[in-house]
Structure formats: structure tokens, C-alpha cells
Amino acid sequence: MIIEYTGRQVVVTQKYKDQAKAGIQRITRIINGATSAKVVLTVDKYRKIADVTVSQGGQHMVAACESAEMTIALRDALAKIEQQAVRQKQKTTTGKRHPRPLETVDGLDGPAAAAASA
């Protein structure tokens, strides 16, 4: 996993790096095979903004949060990415585990329809 940190008008300290790394590790446990992550920390007057992007294959999960504290903004952005990862994983598992229904023949469904059509 490659994590890229960018600080705009702010110094990215080890505290922010550790917080981001812990959150991204939690996300990679949910989705297997995340390849890269980008963390952009920005300060604009009194606002602290955290942009987090996690890439897996051809899909990107992006979250941007702002707060008065950088740690809170980073925590909220990582929580949003985690929700997106859970939602994405649920989509793939439900799609795989539900078989397609058999076609109905004259009001019959299931194995009875298959036997009637044969």
C-alpha cells in the first residue's frame, strides 16, 4: 500500500501520518487489494480541510471534510471512506449470493416450472 501525503500551508506531522495510516489500514481490511491512498491536508484561514482518496483497481473512494481541528477533519474523512468501502463490499457480496429466479410457466415457479416446461 502506497500512501502519499501532501500538506498545503501546513506541515504534515508524524501524528497526522499515524492517524491516516491507522484509518487506511482499517479500510484495507474491509476491501482487499487497495493499491494506493492520497491524503491532502489544507489550511485556509480558520478552516482545516482533509481530502482522502483511496484507489482500488479502477475505482476511487473520495472524501473531503473540514473542521476547526485537523485531527477531527482527518478522522471524519477516514470515517466517510470507511462507509463507502462497507457499502461497496455489500454491493459485491449481495450480487454474488442471490441466484437469479427461474422463469415462471403458466403461474408455476421454481422446480415445478422447470418440470412443466420439459
Protein backbone atom coordinates (compact mmCIF):
# COMPACT_ATOMS: atom_id res chain seq x y z
CA MET A 1 0.00 0.00 0.00
CA ILE A 2 1.42 3.34 -1.06
CA ILE A 3 0.28 6.37 0.96
CA GLU A 4 1.07 9.82 -0.40
CA TYR A 5 0.87 12.81 1.95
CA THR A 6 0.54 16.42 0.79
CA GLY A 7 0.41 19.47 3.04
CA ARG A 8 -0.85 22.78 1.69
CA GLN A 9 0.02 25.65 4.01
CA VAL A 10 0.56 23.06 6.77
CA VAL A 11 3.33 20.73 7.83
CA VAL A 12 2.28 17.07 7.79
CA THR A 13 3.46 15.86 11.20
CA GLN A 14 4.02 12.29 12.33
CA LYS A 15 0.81 12.50 14.37
CA TYR A 16 -1.26 13.08 11.22
CA LYS A 17 0.63 10.37 9.33
CA ASP A 18 -0.01 7.81 12.09
CA GLN A 19 -3.70 8.71 12.26
CA ALA A 20 -4.09 8.44 8.48
CA LYS A 21 -2.13 5.17 8.32
CA ALA A 22 -4.29 3.58 11.04
CA GLY A 23 -7.50 4.63 9.28
CA ILE A 24 -6.33 3.42 5.88
CA GLN A 25 -5.28 0.06 7.35
CA ARG A 26 -8.82 -0.33 8.72
CA ILE A 27 -10.18 0.40 5.24
CA THR A 28 -7.84 -2.08 3.53
CA ARG A 29 -9.09 -4.82 5.84
CA ILE A 30 -12.61 -4.17 4.55
CA ILE A 31 -11.68 -4.06 0.87
CA ASN A 32 -9.00 -6.40 -0.32
CA GLY A 33 -6.40 -5.08 -2.70
CA ALA A 34 -6.42 -1.32 -2.19
CA THR A 35 -3.41 -0.12 -4.15
CA SER A 36 -2.82 3.49 -3.17
CA ALA A 37 -4.06 6.31 -0.98
CA LYS A 38 -3.61 10.07 -1.11
CA VAL A 39 -4.03 12.33 1.91
CA VAL A 40 -4.13 16.08 1.31
CA LEU A 41 -4.18 18.39 4.34
CA THR A 42 -5.00 22.05 3.72
CA VAL A 43 -5.28 25.11 5.96
CA ASP A 44 -7.39 28.02 4.72
CA LYS A 45 -7.72 30.85 7.27
CA TYR A 46 -9.51 29.20 10.19
CA ARG A 47 -10.56 26.05 8.36
CA LYS A 48 -8.62 22.79 8.34
CA ILE A 49 -9.51 20.58 5.37
CA ALA A 50 -8.64 16.91 4.89
CA ASP A 51 -9.07 15.22 1.48
CA VAL A 52 -8.57 11.46 1.36
CA THR A 53 -8.61 9.34 -1.80
CA VAL A 54 -8.27 5.54 -1.76
CA SER A 55 -7.84 3.71 -5.06
CA GLN A 56 -8.69 0.06 -5.67
CA GLY A 57 -8.35 -1.19 -9.19
CA GLY A 58 -10.31 1.25 -11.34
CA GLN A 59 -12.44 2.57 -8.51
CA HIS A 60 -11.73 5.59 -6.34
CA MET A 61 -13.28 6.44 -2.99
CA VAL A 62 -13.01 10.14 -2.16
CA ALA A 63 -13.93 12.13 0.96
CA ALA A 64 -13.28 15.74 1.95
CA CYS A 65 -14.06 17.11 5.42
CA GLU A 66 -13.35 20.37 7.14
CA SER A 67 -13.23 21.38 10.78
CA ALA A 68 -11.52 23.74 13.19
CA GLU A 69 -9.09 20.94 14.14
CA MET A 70 -7.07 18.94 11.62
CA THR A 71 -7.35 15.67 13.59
CA ILE A 72 -11.15 15.92 13.59
CA ALA A 73 -11.27 16.67 9.85
CA LEU A 74 -8.96 13.74 9.10
CA ARG A 75 -10.97 11.38 11.33
CA ASP A 76 -14.25 12.38 9.65
CA ALA A 77 -12.80 11.94 6.15
CA LEU A 78 -11.49 8.47 7.02
CA ALA A 79 -14.89 7.54 8.51
CA LYS A 80 -16.61 8.55 5.26
CA ILE A 81 -14.19 6.46 3.21
CA GLU A 82 -14.82 3.52 5.54
CA GLN A 83 -18.58 3.85 5.00
CA GLN A 84 -18.03 3.89 1.24
CA ALA A 85 -15.86 0.77 1.48
CA VAL A 86 -18.51 -1.07 3.51
CA ARG A 87 -21.19 -0.07 1.01
CA GLN A 88 -19.04 -1.19 -1.91
CA LYS A 89 -18.32 -4.55 -0.29
CA GLN A 90 -22.02 -5.11 0.46
CA LYS A 91 -22.87 -4.45 -3.19
CA THR A 92 -20.45 -7.11 -4.40
CA THR A 93 -21.44 -9.75 -1.83
CA THR A 94 -25.19 -9.36 -2.30
CA GLY A 95 -24.79 -9.51 -6.07
CA LYS A 96 -22.90 -12.77 -5.82
CA ARG A 97 -25.06 -14.55 -3.27
CA HIS A 98 -28.55 -14.12 -4.70
CA PRO A 99 -29.34 -16.58 -7.51
CA ARG A 100 -31.48 -15.46 -10.39
CA PRO A 101 -35.12 -16.58 -10.13
CA LEU A 102 -36.32 -19.22 -12.57
CA GLU A 103 -38.81 -18.13 -15.22
CA THR A 104 -42.44 -18.82 -14.44
CA VAL A 105 -44.52 -21.03 -16.74
CA ASP A 106 -48.34 -20.77 -16.52
CA GLY A 107 -48.27 -19.43 -12.97
CA LEU A 108 -45.83 -22.08 -11.76
CA ASP A 109 -42.46 -21.05 -10.43
CA GLY A 110 -39.31 -22.77 -9.28
CA PRO A 111 -38.71 -26.51 -9.92
CA ALA A 112 -42.34 -27.06 -10.87
CA ALA A 113 -41.96 -24.67 -13.79
CA ALA A 114 -38.82 -26.44 -14.97
CA ALA A 115 -40.58 -29.83 -14.84
CA ALA A 116 -43.66 -28.47 -16.67
CA SER A 117 -41.62 -26.98 -19.48
CA ALA A 118 -39.59 -30.18 -20.04
